[in-house]
Protein backbone atom coordinates (compact mmCIF):
# COMPACT_ATOMS: atom_id res chain seq x y z
CA MET A 1 20.44 14.63 -78.59
CA PRO A 2 20.49 14.93 -74.80
CA SER A 3 22.98 12.77 -73.00
CA GLN A 4 21.61 9.89 -71.03
CA ILE A 5 22.00 10.07 -67.30
CA ASN A 6 22.15 6.73 -65.51
CA THR A 7 20.39 7.07 -62.22
CA PRO A 8 21.03 4.35 -59.67
CA THR A 9 18.17 2.03 -59.00
CA PRO A 10 16.90 1.60 -55.44
CA ALA A 11 18.72 -1.72 -55.30
CA GLY A 12 21.93 -0.02 -56.42
CA ILE A 13 21.49 2.70 -53.81
CA SER A 14 21.04 0.10 -51.11
CA ASP A 15 24.15 -1.74 -52.30
CA VAL A 16 26.19 1.46 -52.15
CA ARG A 17 24.88 2.27 -48.69
CA GLY A 18 25.60 -1.25 -47.50
CA HIS A 19 29.13 -1.00 -48.85
CA HIS A 20 29.72 2.24 -46.95
CA VAL A 21 28.30 0.72 -43.77
CA GLN A 22 30.60 -2.29 -44.09
CA ARG A 23 33.63 -0.04 -44.64
CA ARG A 24 32.67 2.04 -41.60
CA ARG A 25 32.33 -1.10 -39.50
CA ARG A 26 35.70 -2.39 -40.67
CA SER A 27 37.36 0.92 -39.84
CA ASN A 28 35.77 0.93 -36.38
CA VAL A 29 36.95 -2.62 -35.75
CA GLY A 30 40.43 -1.75 -36.99
CA SER A 31 40.64 1.30 -34.74
CA LEU A 32 39.46 -0.71 -31.73
CA THR A 33 42.01 -3.43 -32.51
CA GLY A 34 44.77 -0.84 -32.80
CA ARG A 35 43.79 0.75 -29.49
CA TRP A 36 43.73 -2.60 -27.69
CA GLY A 37 47.06 -3.47 -29.30
CA LEU A 38 48.62 -0.26 -27.99
CA LEU A 39 47.10 -0.86 -24.57
CA GLY A 40 48.48 -4.39 -24.51
CA ALA A 41 51.95 -3.10 -25.34
CA VAL A 42 51.99 -0.76 -22.32
CA PRO A 43 53.14 -3.40 -19.76
CA ALA A 44 55.95 -4.53 -22.07
CA ALA A 45 56.99 -0.90 -22.65
CA VAL A 46 57.02 -0.25 -18.89
CA LEU A 47 59.13 -3.34 -18.20
CA LEU A 48 61.49 -2.43 -21.04
CA ALA A 49 61.88 1.13 -19.77
CA THR A 50 62.43 -0.12 -16.22
CA PHE A 51 64.94 -2.88 -16.75
CA VAL A 52 66.69 -1.62 -19.90
CA GLY A 53 66.19 2.13 -20.05
CA VAL A 54 67.09 2.76 -16.42
CA THR A 55 70.15 0.52 -16.73
CA VAL A 56 71.36 2.30 -19.85
CA VAL A 57 70.90 5.72 -18.26
CA GLN A 58 72.68 4.58 -15.10
CA ALA A 59 75.60 3.22 -17.13
CA GLY A 60 75.84 6.55 -18.96
CA VAL A 61 75.88 8.46 -15.67
CA ILE A 62 78.59 6.21 -14.20
CA SER A 63 80.69 6.53 -17.37
CA LEU A 64 80.79 10.29 -16.78
CA SER A 65 81.83 9.88 -13.17
CA GLU A 66 84.61 8.52 -11.02
CA TRP A 67 83.34 5.82 -8.71
CA HIS A 68 85.05 2.95 -6.93
CA GLY A 69 81.94 1.08 -5.83
CA ILE A 70 81.48 2.91 -2.53
CA GLY A 71 80.40 6.46 -1.80
CA PRO A 72 78.91 9.14 -4.03
CA LEU A 73 79.67 9.61 -7.70
CA GLU A 74 82.19 12.29 -8.65
CA PHE A 75 81.35 13.88 -11.99
CA VAL A 76 84.39 14.03 -14.29
CA GLY A 77 82.77 14.62 -17.69
CA LEU A 78 84.39 12.89 -20.65
CA ARG A 79 87.66 12.14 -18.85
CA ASN A 80 86.93 8.40 -18.63
CA TYR A 81 86.28 8.22 -22.36
CA ALA A 82 89.50 10.10 -23.12
CA GLU A 83 91.52 7.75 -20.92
CA VAL A 84 89.91 4.63 -22.38
CA LEU A 85 90.40 5.72 -26.00
CA ALA A 86 94.00 6.73 -25.33
CA GLU A 87 94.82 3.31 -23.87
CA PRO A 88 96.42 0.86 -26.38
CA ALA A 89 94.87 -2.03 -24.45
CA THR A 90 91.42 -0.77 -25.46
CA TRP A 91 92.20 -1.01 -29.16
CA GLU A 92 93.77 -4.43 -28.67
CA ALA A 93 90.63 -5.60 -26.85
CA LEU A 94 88.52 -4.22 -29.69
CA ARG A 95 90.63 -6.09 -32.24
CA VAL A 96 90.37 -9.37 -30.31
CA THR A 97 86.62 -8.90 -29.86
CA THR A 98 86.12 -8.22 -33.57
CA VAL A 99 88.09 -11.31 -34.61
CA PHE A 100 86.33 -13.46 -32.03
CA ALA A 101 82.83 -12.18 -32.88
CA PHE A 102 83.06 -12.38 -36.66
CA ALA A 103 84.89 -15.73 -36.74
CA SER A 104 82.43 -17.27 -34.28
CA THR A 105 79.42 -15.86 -36.13
CA ALA A 106 80.67 -17.14 -39.48
CA GLY A 107 81.28 -20.58 -38.00
CA VAL A 108 77.86 -20.67 -36.33
CA ILE A 109 75.94 -19.62 -39.44
CA VAL A 110 77.79 -21.90 -41.86
CA THR A 111 77.52 -24.90 -39.54
CA ALA A 112 73.86 -24.22 -38.72
CA THR A 113 72.97 -23.81 -42.40
CA LEU A 114 74.66 -27.07 -43.41
CA LEU A 115 73.04 -28.96 -40.54
CA ALA A 116 69.64 -27.47 -41.32
CA ALA A 117 70.01 -28.38 -45.00
CA ALA A 118 70.90 -31.97 -44.06
CA VAL A 119 67.89 -32.32 -41.76
CA SER A 120 65.57 -30.59 -44.22
CA ALA A 121 66.65 -33.11 -46.88
CA LYS A 122 65.29 -35.90 -44.61
CA MET A 123 68.62 -37.58 -44.08
CA TRP A 124 68.66 -40.74 -41.98
CA GLY A 125 68.05 -39.99 -38.29
CA SER A 126 67.09 -36.36 -38.93
CA THR A 127 64.47 -36.41 -36.17
CA SER A 128 67.09 -37.35 -33.56
CA TYR A 129 69.57 -34.82 -34.92
CA ARG A 130 67.16 -31.99 -34.14
CA ILE A 131 67.59 -32.83 -30.44
CA ILE A 132 71.27 -33.81 -30.54
CA TRP A 133 72.44 -30.63 -32.25
CA PHE A 134 70.39 -28.44 -29.92
CA MET A 135 71.67 -30.08 -26.71
CA PRO A 136 74.87 -27.95 -26.44
CA GLY A 137 72.70 -24.85 -26.48
CA ILE A 138 70.90 -25.81 -23.26
CA ALA A 139 74.03 -26.96 -21.40
CA PRO A 140 75.25 -24.52 -18.71
CA ALA A 141 77.73 -22.25 -20.47
CA ALA A 142 80.17 -22.10 -17.56
CA ALA A 143 80.19 -25.88 -17.08
CA ALA A 144 80.71 -26.47 -20.81
CA ALA A 145 83.55 -23.94 -20.93
CA ILE A 146 85.30 -25.53 -17.94
CA PHE A 147 84.94 -28.97 -19.52
CA TRP A 148 86.48 -27.81 -22.78
CA ALA A 149 89.24 -25.93 -20.97
CA SER A 150 90.17 -29.23 -19.30
CA ALA A 151 89.91 -31.07 -22.62
CA PHE A 152 92.51 -28.76 -24.18
CA GLN A 153 95.05 -29.23 -21.38
CA PRO A 154 98.41 -30.48 -22.77
CA ASN A 155 99.10 -33.19 -20.18
CA PHE A 156 95.76 -34.86 -19.47
CA GLY A 157 93.30 -33.23 -21.87
CA ALA A 158 90.98 -35.38 -23.96
CA ILE A 159 91.88 -33.52 -27.16
CA ASN A 160 95.56 -34.42 -26.90
CA GLU A 161 94.73 -38.00 -25.97
CA ILE A 162 92.54 -38.38 -29.04
CA ALA A 163 95.30 -36.81 -31.16
CA LYS A 164 97.77 -39.39 -29.83
CA LEU A 165 95.38 -42.21 -30.70
CA LEU A 166 95.19 -40.85 -34.24
CA GLY A 167 98.98 -40.95 -34.54
CA PHE A 168 99.90 -37.32 -33.82
CA GLU A 169 103.04 -37.07 -31.70
CA GLY A 170 103.62 -34.60 -28.93
CA SER A 171 101.11 -32.47 -27.04
CA SER A 172 99.79 -29.04 -27.93
CA ALA A 173 98.99 -26.30 -25.44
CA LEU A 174 96.63 -24.19 -27.54
CA LEU A 175 95.24 -22.23 -24.60
CA ALA A 176 98.73 -21.42 -23.29
CA SER A 177 99.96 -19.76 -26.49
CA GLY A 178 98.99 -16.24 -27.40
CA ALA A 179 98.94 -17.13 -31.09
CA THR A 180 96.42 -19.97 -30.72
CA ALA A 181 94.49 -19.30 -27.49
CA LEU A 182 91.55 -17.73 -29.32
CA ILE A 183 91.03 -20.74 -31.61
CA PRO A 184 89.67 -23.17 -28.97
CA ILE A 185 87.37 -20.46 -27.61
CA ILE A 186 85.94 -19.83 -31.08
CA LEU A 187 85.38 -23.57 -31.61
CA VAL A 188 83.65 -23.95 -28.24
CA THR A 189 81.48 -20.90 -28.95
CA ILE A 190 80.41 -22.38 -32.28
CA TRP A 191 79.67 -25.73 -30.62
CA SER A 192 77.53 -24.16 -27.90
CA SER A 193 75.74 -21.58 -30.08
CA VAL A 194 74.91 -23.48 -33.25
CA GLY A 195 71.71 -25.08 -31.89
CA PHE A 196 69.60 -21.92 -31.74
CA SER A 197 70.65 -20.75 -35.21
CA PHE A 198 70.13 -24.28 -36.53
CA LEU A 199 66.47 -24.29 -35.45
CA LEU A 200 65.78 -20.86 -36.95
CA ILE A 201 67.35 -21.68 -40.30
CA LEU A 202 65.73 -25.13 -40.36
CA GLY A 203 62.33 -23.50 -39.96
CA ALA A 204 63.05 -21.21 -42.90
CA LEU A 205 64.18 -24.10 -45.11
CA GLU A 206 61.14 -26.20 -44.27
CA ASP A 207 58.84 -23.32 -45.20
CA VAL A 208 59.93 -23.63 -48.82
CA PRO A 209 57.05 -25.28 -50.76
CA PRO A 210 57.91 -28.87 -51.78
CA THR A 211 56.52 -28.16 -55.25
CA THR A 212 59.43 -25.77 -55.83
CA TYR A 213 61.95 -28.56 -55.35
CA GLU A 214 59.83 -30.94 -57.45
CA ALA A 215 59.82 -28.49 -60.34
CA ALA A 216 63.59 -28.05 -60.01
CA ARG A 217 64.13 -31.82 -60.06
CA ILE A 218 61.97 -32.13 -63.17
CA ASP A 219 64.16 -29.49 -64.82
CA GLY A 220 67.22 -31.58 -63.96
CA ALA A 221 68.62 -29.50 -61.09
CA SER A 222 70.91 -31.44 -58.77
CA ALA A 223 70.65 -31.33 -54.98
CA THR A 224 73.58 -28.91 -54.83
CA ARG A 225 72.00 -26.62 -57.42
CA GLN A 226 68.68 -26.71 -55.53
CA PHE A 227 70.46 -25.74 -52.32
CA PHE A 228 72.27 -22.73 -53.81
CA SER A 229 69.50 -21.61 -56.20
CA ILE A 230 66.38 -22.27 -54.10
CA SER A 231 67.08 -22.98 -50.42
CA LEU A 232 69.64 -20.27 -49.70
CA PRO A 233 67.88 -17.40 -51.57
CA LEU A 234 64.51 -18.14 -49.97
CA ALA A 235 66.01 -18.55 -46.48
CA GLN A 236 68.27 -15.50 -46.85
CA PRO A 237 66.16 -13.10 -44.71
CA VAL A 238 66.15 -15.55 -41.80
CA ILE A 239 69.86 -16.30 -42.23
CA ALA A 240 70.66 -12.58 -42.25
CA THR A 241 68.61 -11.92 -39.11
CA THR A 242 70.15 -14.94 -37.39
CA SER A 243 73.61 -13.66 -38.33
CA ILE A 244 72.91 -10.32 -36.65
CA LEU A 245 71.65 -12.06 -33.49
CA ALA A 246 74.70 -14.35 -33.44
CA LEU A 247 77.05 -11.38 -33.92
CA ILE A 248 75.46 -9.53 -31.00
CA ALA A 249 75.69 -12.62 -28.78
CA THR A 250 79.33 -13.35 -29.60
CA PHE A 251 80.39 -9.69 -29.39
CA ASN A 252 79.00 -9.68 -25.84
CA GLY A 253 80.34 -13.17 -25.11
CA PHE A 254 81.97 -13.44 -21.70
CA THR A 255 81.46 -16.89 -20.18
CA GLN A 256 83.55 -18.98 -22.56
CA VAL A 257 86.44 -16.52 -22.59
CA TRP A 258 86.56 -16.01 -18.85
CA ALA A 259 86.12 -19.67 -17.93
CA MET A 260 88.75 -20.90 -20.40
CA THR A 261 91.50 -18.24 -20.30
CA ARG A 262 90.41 -15.26 -18.14
CA GLY A 263 91.54 -13.07 -21.02
CA GLY A 264 95.04 -14.55 -21.20
CA PRO A 265 97.70 -15.45 -21.91
CA GLY A 266 98.65 -11.81 -21.74
CA SER A 267 95.96 -9.98 -23.68
CA ALA A 268 95.51 -12.60 -26.42
CA THR A 269 91.87 -13.28 -25.49
CA ASN A 270 91.08 -10.07 -23.62
CA THR A 271 87.76 -9.11 -25.22
CA ILE A 272 85.78 -5.98 -24.36
CA PRO A 273 83.38 -7.78 -21.94
CA VAL A 274 86.37 -9.31 -20.13
CA ALA A 275 88.12 -5.94 -20.01
CA VAL A 276 84.97 -4.35 -18.57
CA TYR A 277 84.76 -7.07 -15.91
CA LYS A 278 88.41 -6.67 -14.92
CA GLU A 279 88.22 -2.88 -14.81
CA ALA A 280 85.11 -2.93 -12.63
CA PHE A 281 85.48 -5.92 -10.30
CA GLN A 282 89.25 -6.36 -10.10
CA PHE A 283 90.45 -2.76 -10.20
CA ALA A 284 87.25 -1.08 -8.90
CA ASN A 285 87.32 1.52 -11.67
CA TYR A 286 83.61 1.55 -12.41
CA GLY A 287 83.73 4.82 -14.33
CA THR A 288 86.23 3.63 -16.93
CA ALA A 289 84.51 0.22 -17.05
CA ALA A 290 81.19 1.90 -17.84
CA ALA A 291 82.84 4.09 -20.48
CA LEU A 292 84.34 1.02 -22.13
CA ALA A 293 80.96 -0.71 -22.02
CA VAL A 294 79.24 2.28 -23.61
CA ILE A 295 81.84 2.39 -26.40
CA GLY A 296 81.28 -1.30 -27.06
CA ALA A 297 77.51 -0.79 -27.08
CA VAL A 298 77.82 2.06 -29.60
CA ILE A 299 80.00 -0.06 -31.90
CA LEU A 300 77.57 -2.96 -31.65
CA THR A 301 74.61 -0.68 -32.37
CA ILE A 302 76.32 0.63 -35.50
CA LEU A 303 77.10 -2.90 -36.68
CA GLY A 304 73.52 -3.99 -36.02
CA ALA A 305 72.10 -1.00 -37.89
CA ILE A 306 74.34 -1.71 -40.88
CA GLY A 307 73.29 -5.36 -40.86
CA LEU A 308 69.60 -4.47 -40.71
CA ALA A 309 70.00 -1.95 -43.53
CA LEU A 310 71.74 -4.51 -45.73
CA THR A 311 69.07 -7.11 -44.93
CA ARG A 312 66.26 -4.69 -45.77
CA SER A 313 67.87 -3.67 -49.07
CA ARG A 314 68.32 -7.29 -50.14
CA GLN A 315 64.71 -8.11 -49.29
CA GLN A 316 63.50 -5.17 -51.38
């Protein structure tokens, strides 16, 4: 018995042709959109190459040269890098920078997450807290650092006066001791940086569907269990990205350190940005300053790449 061959009806043929026409139109629209998107990215790419690329190349050239701010560059190869890496002060600055950056980042993220969770839970006055907790972030960094440096003074500082009112005897000079000088700077950095991270994490928490929390409450989950089992896991990508941004900002932090201690006492708060500033503008050794800056940039790039890789793996 011959097999039956289903031939498409005229209506079927027209449907198939219409489908192909629609696909062709969609592909044409997609290609046009992609072309316009690439064209629109050209100005941003030009600006990025001009203000970032040229600066990076110039820093690399200076790091391979000896230059004191005046006159032509004298090419010295990798001598500046060898001198910087052989200097014990460089490794001490790297240690201080690492402690400062990671401690400040941890404080910023933990504080911002707790504040965002409190506001997301509609606590009393949460609308006002959005503004209050963001205010330190828009205050001039230098002015805020000078204010806090005065507040930590042992003789007339507000911190010691408040401690006396609370019954603590004596006065503490935290900024004058090498063992404690970094602590006030970390606290001030957390205070001034938490607002931006707070807004990002709050947005992630408020994107969680309310029905998810309702289902958890029906199942008997407490507020604490909802926070650790629902809020944190769903906001984890934003928290991870915010952590990387905070780490980059604190690793490059200069204003608070310089305004409060100028890298002292001794080298207790001498971070890499402060060391670069001193080497360039106090000692006029721009070649070694650029080499130190490049080393810091390489370390920060590696840390950022590791953070992005870990974030991507957790998301997958």
